[in-house]
Amino acid sequence: MFANLRYLPKKYKSVYIVYMICLLTTFILLALVRPSGKIVVLVFLAFFMIDSFLLSRSKEKILLPLLVDLFIYACWFIILYPF
């Protein structure tokens, strides 16, 4: 996900770094607290929307980075709530 920094314009790079720090901190807190699955899905969807917004500011093609990010979110959800 940090590789997405190369796709962003300079003015959004610091915002994306703060976003990544918040995302990782939230993931650690969710792993420790273990709230209900609905809350985790809503949190991950909110983070994915922020990620999509920031990557939409890029002039490059962003479909592959978004799909990779979505895959990472799905893996995190499976780690938190295995089937």
C-alpha atoms as a PDB file:
ATOM      1  CA  MET A   1       0.000   0.000   0.000  1.00  0.00           C
ATOM      2  CA  PHE A   2       2.934   2.314   0.556  1.00  0.00           C
ATOM      3  CA  ALA A   3       3.774   1.788  -3.129  1.00  0.00           C
ATOM      4  CA  ASN A   4       0.694   3.888  -3.927  1.00  0.00           C
ATOM      5  CA  LEU A   5       2.672   6.968  -2.923  1.00  0.00           C
ATOM      6  CA  ARG A   6       4.318   6.998  -6.330  1.00  0.00           C
ATOM      7  CA  TYR A   7       0.910   7.438  -7.997  1.00  0.00           C
ATOM      8  CA  LEU A   8      -0.119  10.459  -5.935  1.00  0.00           C
ATOM      9  CA  PRO A   9       0.618  14.121  -6.631  1.00  0.00           C
ATOM     10  CA  LYS A  10       3.008  15.754  -4.151  1.00  0.00           C
ATOM     11  CA  LYS A  11       0.310  17.676  -2.291  1.00  0.00           C
ATOM     12  CA  TYR A  12      -1.497  14.427  -1.365  1.00  0.00           C
ATOM     13  CA  LYS A  13       1.535  12.396  -0.270  1.00  0.00           C
ATOM     14  CA  SER A  14       1.583  13.695   3.306  1.00  0.00           C
ATOM     15  CA  VAL A  15      -2.175  13.125   3.610  1.00  0.00           C
ATOM     16  CA  TYR A  16      -1.718   9.548   2.377  1.00  0.00           C
ATOM     17  CA  ILE A  17       1.052   8.900   4.908  1.00  0.00           C
ATOM     18  CA  VAL A  18      -1.215  10.107   7.729  1.00  0.00           C
ATOM     19  CA  TYR A  19      -3.998   7.932   6.300  1.00  0.00           C
ATOM     20  CA  MET A  20      -1.715   4.867   6.341  1.00  0.00           C
ATOM     21  CA  ILE A  21      -0.669   5.516   9.946  1.00  0.00           C
ATOM     22  CA  CYS A  22      -4.349   5.790  10.964  1.00  0.00           C
ATOM     23  CA  LEU A  23      -5.165   2.622   9.028  1.00  0.00           C
ATOM     24  CA  LEU A  24      -2.431   0.579  10.672  1.00  0.00           C
ATOM     25  CA  THR A  25      -3.275   1.931  14.128  1.00  0.00           C
ATOM     26  CA  THR A  26      -6.950   1.130  13.611  1.00  0.00           C
ATOM     27  CA  PHE A  27      -6.119  -2.386  12.451  1.00  0.00           C
ATOM     28  CA  ILE A  28      -4.042  -3.014  15.571  1.00  0.00           C
ATOM     29  CA  LEU A  29      -6.829  -1.670  17.796  1.00  0.00           C
ATOM     30  CA  LEU A  30      -9.430  -3.802  16.023  1.00  0.00           C
ATOM     31  CA  ALA A  31      -7.227  -6.857  16.470  1.00  0.00           C
ATOM     32  CA  LEU A  32      -6.962  -6.177  20.197  1.00  0.00           C
ATOM     33  CA  VAL A  33     -10.575  -5.186  20.906  1.00  0.00           C
ATOM     34  CA  ARG A  34     -12.349  -7.609  18.532  1.00  0.00           C
ATOM     35  CA  PRO A  35     -15.628  -5.691  17.952  1.00  0.00           C
ATOM     36  CA  SER A  36     -18.511  -7.131  15.944  1.00  0.00           C
ATOM     37  CA  GLY A  37     -17.967  -7.925  12.284  1.00  0.00           C
ATOM     38  CA  LYS A  38     -20.379  -5.212  11.128  1.00  0.00           C
ATOM     39  CA  ILE A  39     -18.279  -2.491  12.719  1.00  0.00           C
ATOM     40  CA  VAL A  40     -15.099  -3.841  11.161  1.00  0.00           C
ATOM     41  CA  VAL A  41     -16.697  -3.980   7.697  1.00  0.00           C
ATOM     42  CA  LEU A  42     -17.892  -0.373   8.044  1.00  0.00           C
ATOM     43  CA  VAL A  43     -14.448   0.780   9.197  1.00  0.00           C
ATOM     44  CA  PHE A  44     -12.703  -0.979   6.319  1.00  0.00           C
ATOM     45  CA  LEU A  45     -15.229   0.421   3.819  1.00  0.00           C
ATOM     46  CA  ALA A  46     -14.608   3.925   5.151  1.00  0.00           C
ATOM     47  CA  PHE A  47     -10.859   3.462   4.793  1.00  0.00           C
ATOM     48  CA  PHE A  48     -11.309   2.051   1.284  1.00  0.00           C
ATOM     49  CA  MET A  49     -13.402   5.079   0.295  1.00  0.00           C
ATOM     50  CA  ILE A  50     -10.673   7.404   1.575  1.00  0.00           C
ATOM     51  CA  ASP A  51      -8.074   5.374  -0.292  1.00  0.00           C
ATOM     52  CA  SER A  52     -10.157   5.496  -3.488  1.00  0.00           C
ATOM     53  CA  PHE A  53     -10.584   9.251  -3.166  1.00  0.00           C
ATOM     54  CA  LEU A  54      -6.865   9.852  -2.709  1.00  0.00           C
ATOM     55  CA  LEU A  55      -5.907   7.561  -5.580  1.00  0.00           C
ATOM     56  CA  SER A  56      -8.507   9.179  -7.836  1.00  0.00           C
ATOM     57  CA  ARG A  57      -6.388  12.337  -7.701  1.00  0.00           C
ATOM     58  CA  SER A  58      -3.667  10.507  -9.609  1.00  0.00           C
ATOM     59  CA  LYS A  59      -3.044  10.993 -13.299  1.00  0.00           C
ATOM     60  CA  GLU A  60      -2.002   7.332 -13.677  1.00  0.00           C
ATOM     61  CA  LYS A  61      -4.172   4.241 -14.035  1.00  0.00           C
ATOM     62  CA  ILE A  62      -5.302   3.242 -10.569  1.00  0.00           C
ATOM     63  CA  LEU A  63      -7.383   0.093 -11.081  1.00  0.00           C
ATOM     64  CA  LEU A  64      -4.607  -2.321 -10.128  1.00  0.00           C
ATOM     65  CA  PRO A  65      -3.576  -0.430  -6.953  1.00  0.00           C
ATOM     66  CA  LEU A  66      -7.221  -0.261  -5.861  1.00  0.00           C
ATOM     67  CA  LEU A  67      -7.718  -3.974  -6.434  1.00  0.00           C
ATOM     68  CA  VAL A  68      -4.565  -4.764  -4.469  1.00  0.00           C
ATOM     69  CA  ASP A  69      -5.735  -2.535  -1.610  1.00  0.00           C
ATOM     70  CA  LEU A  70      -9.147  -4.222  -1.649  1.00  0.00           C
ATOM     71  CA  PHE A  71      -7.419  -7.615  -1.476  1.00  0.00           C
ATOM     72  CA  ILE A  72      -5.344  -6.442   1.506  1.00  0.00           C
ATOM     73  CA  TYR A  73      -8.480  -5.222   3.314  1.00  0.00           C
ATOM     74  CA  ALA A  74     -10.157  -8.580   2.656  1.00  0.00           C
ATOM     75  CA  CYS A  75      -7.126 -10.421   4.050  1.00  0.00           C
ATOM     76  CA  TRP A  76      -7.161  -8.225   7.156  1.00  0.00           C
ATOM     77  CA  PHE A  77     -10.847  -8.977   7.663  1.00  0.00           C
ATOM     78  CA  ILE A  78     -10.218 -12.716   7.327  1.00  0.00           C
ATOM     79  CA  ILE A  79      -7.375 -12.462   9.826  1.00  0.00           C
ATOM     80  CA  LEU A  80      -9.655 -10.699  12.315  1.00  0.00           C
ATOM     81  CA  TYR A  81     -12.698 -12.895  11.680  1.00  0.00           C
ATOM     82  CA  PRO A  82     -11.774 -16.274  10.208  1.00  0.00           C
ATOM     83  CA  PHE A  83     -14.656 -18.279   8.774  1.00  0.00           C
END
